[in-house]
Amino acid sequence: MSQNLQQTQLNVAQAPDFREVYANSVHVRVSVWDFQLVFGLASSESPEQVNIRNHSAVFLSPQQAKALWNVLGQNLAQYEQAFGELNLEPHGHVFPSGPVN
């Protein structure tokens, strides 16, 4: 019983309004219909106050959110294997003030 599997051709192109942005903050909002990822820039003048300026929001279906979770997990595992374990514990770092380039 041999199956004839066709390989799907995937074409990726940048839309005319495509842009790249940096985010060091992300908030996740969940509803029964979708996941919303809100990206922003966090900055701080002092350890007591953090300011976040949100600049982009991306809505994903629950299926796409799970696919993103899977691909991020795979890529983080590869990153840690190459560069060492990432630690999420704060170390008293102050967020940079002003724009980050």
Protein backbone atom coordinates (compact mmCIF):
# COMPACT_ATOMS: atom_id res chain seq x y z
CA MET A 1 0.00 0.00 0.00
CA SER A 2 2.02 2.97 -1.22
CA GLN A 3 0.78 6.49 -0.84
CA ASN A 4 1.60 9.11 -3.41
CA LEU A 5 2.38 12.18 -1.29
CA GLN A 6 2.56 15.44 -3.16
CA GLN A 7 4.88 18.06 -1.77
CA THR A 8 3.22 21.46 -1.42
CA GLN A 9 5.13 24.35 -2.91
CA LEU A 10 5.35 27.25 -0.46
CA ASN A 11 5.90 30.73 -1.84
CA VAL A 12 6.74 33.47 0.66
CA ALA A 13 6.83 37.15 -0.30
CA GLN A 14 6.94 40.40 1.66
CA ALA A 15 3.83 42.57 1.36
CA PRO A 16 4.47 46.15 0.20
CA ASP A 17 3.72 47.45 3.71
CA PHE A 18 5.91 44.84 5.48
CA ARG A 19 8.07 46.22 8.28
CA GLU A 20 10.24 44.86 11.06
CA VAL A 21 9.94 46.13 14.63
CA TYR A 22 11.71 45.33 17.88
CA ALA A 23 9.75 44.36 20.99
CA ASN A 24 10.99 43.60 24.48
CA SER A 25 7.46 43.32 25.85
CA VAL A 26 4.58 41.09 24.80
CA HIS A 27 1.16 40.69 26.37
CA VAL A 28 -1.12 37.80 25.47
CA ARG A 29 -4.87 38.19 25.46
CA VAL A 30 -7.05 35.14 24.90
CA SER A 31 -10.66 34.75 23.85
CA VAL A 32 -12.62 31.73 22.75
CA TRP A 33 -12.00 32.73 19.10
CA ASP A 34 -8.41 33.93 19.03
CA PHE A 35 -5.14 34.86 20.70
CA GLN A 36 -3.92 38.44 20.56
CA LEU A 37 -0.21 39.18 20.96
CA VAL A 38 0.43 42.84 21.82
CA PHE A 39 4.05 43.89 21.28
CA GLY A 40 5.70 46.93 22.78
CA LEU A 41 8.85 48.59 24.05
CA ALA A 42 9.56 48.60 27.76
CA SER A 43 11.81 51.29 29.19
CA SER A 44 12.58 52.52 32.66
CA GLU A 45 14.18 55.52 34.28
CA SER A 46 14.34 53.68 37.61
CA PRO A 47 13.78 50.14 38.96
CA GLU A 48 10.53 51.29 40.56
CA GLN A 49 8.80 52.27 37.32
CA VAL A 50 8.59 50.55 33.94
CA ASN A 51 6.90 52.21 30.98
CA ILE A 52 5.56 50.12 28.10
CA ARG A 53 4.61 51.63 24.74
CA ASN A 54 2.59 49.10 22.73
CA HIS A 55 3.13 49.40 18.99
CA SER A 56 1.70 46.26 17.31
CA ALA A 57 -0.94 43.62 17.81
CA VAL A 58 -1.19 40.27 16.02
CA PHE A 59 -4.28 38.08 16.16
CA LEU A 60 -3.89 34.31 15.76
CA SER A 61 -6.39 31.49 15.57
CA PRO A 62 -6.00 28.96 18.40
CA GLN A 63 -4.52 26.52 15.85
CA GLN A 64 -1.93 29.06 14.68
CA ALA A 65 -1.12 29.98 18.30
CA LYS A 66 -0.37 26.32 19.00
CA ALA A 67 1.74 26.04 15.84
CA LEU A 68 3.67 29.16 16.95
CA TRP A 69 4.15 27.64 20.43
CA ASN A 70 5.56 24.47 18.83
CA VAL A 71 7.97 26.25 16.48
CA LEU A 72 9.14 28.65 19.22
CA GLY A 73 9.76 25.69 21.55
CA GLN A 74 11.83 23.91 18.90
CA ASN A 75 13.85 27.03 18.11
CA LEU A 76 14.42 27.89 21.79
CA ALA A 77 15.69 24.35 22.42
CA GLN A 78 18.13 24.71 19.52
CA TYR A 79 19.20 28.16 20.74
CA GLU A 80 19.87 26.88 24.27
CA GLN A 81 21.78 23.90 22.91
CA ALA A 82 24.01 26.26 20.92
CA PHE A 83 24.36 29.16 23.39
CA GLY A 84 23.38 27.87 26.84
CA GLU A 85 20.29 27.94 28.99
CA LEU A 86 18.21 31.10 29.11
CA ASN A 87 17.38 32.34 32.60
CA LEU A 88 14.14 34.26 33.10
CA GLU A 89 14.93 35.37 36.64
CA PRO A 90 15.42 39.14 36.90
CA HIS A 91 18.92 40.32 37.72
CA GLY A 92 18.10 43.88 38.69
CA HIS A 93 18.57 45.11 35.14
CA VAL A 94 17.10 48.49 34.33
CA PHE A 95 15.39 48.70 30.97
CA PRO A 96 17.19 51.05 28.58
CA SER A 97 15.78 54.54 28.37
CA GLY A 98 14.93 55.88 24.95
CA PRO A 99 14.62 53.97 21.70
CA VAL A 100 16.43 50.69 21.18
CA ASN A 101 18.11 50.22 17.80
